[in-house]
Amino acid sequence: MIFLKSEEEIEKIRAASRVVIEVLARLREETKPGISTWDLDRIAEEVALSRGATPAFKGYRDYPASVCFAINHEVVHGIPSKKKILKEGDILSLDFGVYLDGFYSDSAITIPVGKVSTVAEKLLEVTRNSLYKGIDMARPTNRLFDISHAIQSYVEQEGFSVVKAFVGHGIGRNLHEDPQVPNFVPDNGNWGKGIRLKTGMVIAIEPMVNVGRPDIRILSDGWTAVTVDGTLSAHFEHTVAITDNGPVILTQEH
């Protein structure tokens, strides 16, 4: 069931988003060679709690931390550890969300750790661009798979692949709500189909893009998803409100 949000409810999601923006900005500042993902997770939790917000992922389906990390060939859901020390040339995905005053917000970025390879730079650029191409389709005149098609066609045109094992989602009073927002046009769908987008929908659009094949596998910790072929992966995400005037990115710093 899709819950359309009132302007008041969207403002509450915007308030939660301000905390998410602040935390990701702080993590970006703190990310450098030599720091562990455990240290970054502790910083994220401290900042969120100081703003009266609760980290959204900690405890969700028993996930043990506040931030989902992904280093290099990891795709999503990497558990922080004191043993995971960042080094020059890594790329790091930071996926973070909070719960505040009855509503959730969720966002993700992938950042370079020092100087990274040319391939890594292009992967980050293409994945970030694909997110904005998807967001631009989030309008009441369009259908859900217009978002999916915009992301997939751009990524594949650039020579990369879209992860199909994970998708975006509606968000509001629950972290994950309908509709699911795939970053690809489902095989049983037709381009331009899918549900009609409506004013008041709030969705988290989150392309995950691999340099190589789209296939992933889950490690023995039950959470960490990695690319099967060991190639790099990147992830960007925004929480977006669909309005009569077009998409409004709630998790973007202005």
Foldseek 3Di string as FASTA:
>chain_A
DFDFADPVLVVQQLVQLVLVLVLVVVLVVVFAFFAFVVVSQVSSQVSQVVVVKHQDPPCPVNLHTRWWKAKFQWFTRHHTDRPHTDHAAIKMKTWTKIDDPQWIWIKMAIGHHHDHDPLVVVQRVLQVVLQVQLQQQQEQAAALCSSLCSNQVSQVVVQWGWAFPAFKAWTGSHRHDDDTRGNHADPPHDRRDHHRHDARTKIKGKTKIWNDDNDWDDDPVRGIIGHPVSGTITMTIFIWGHHNVGIDTSNDDD
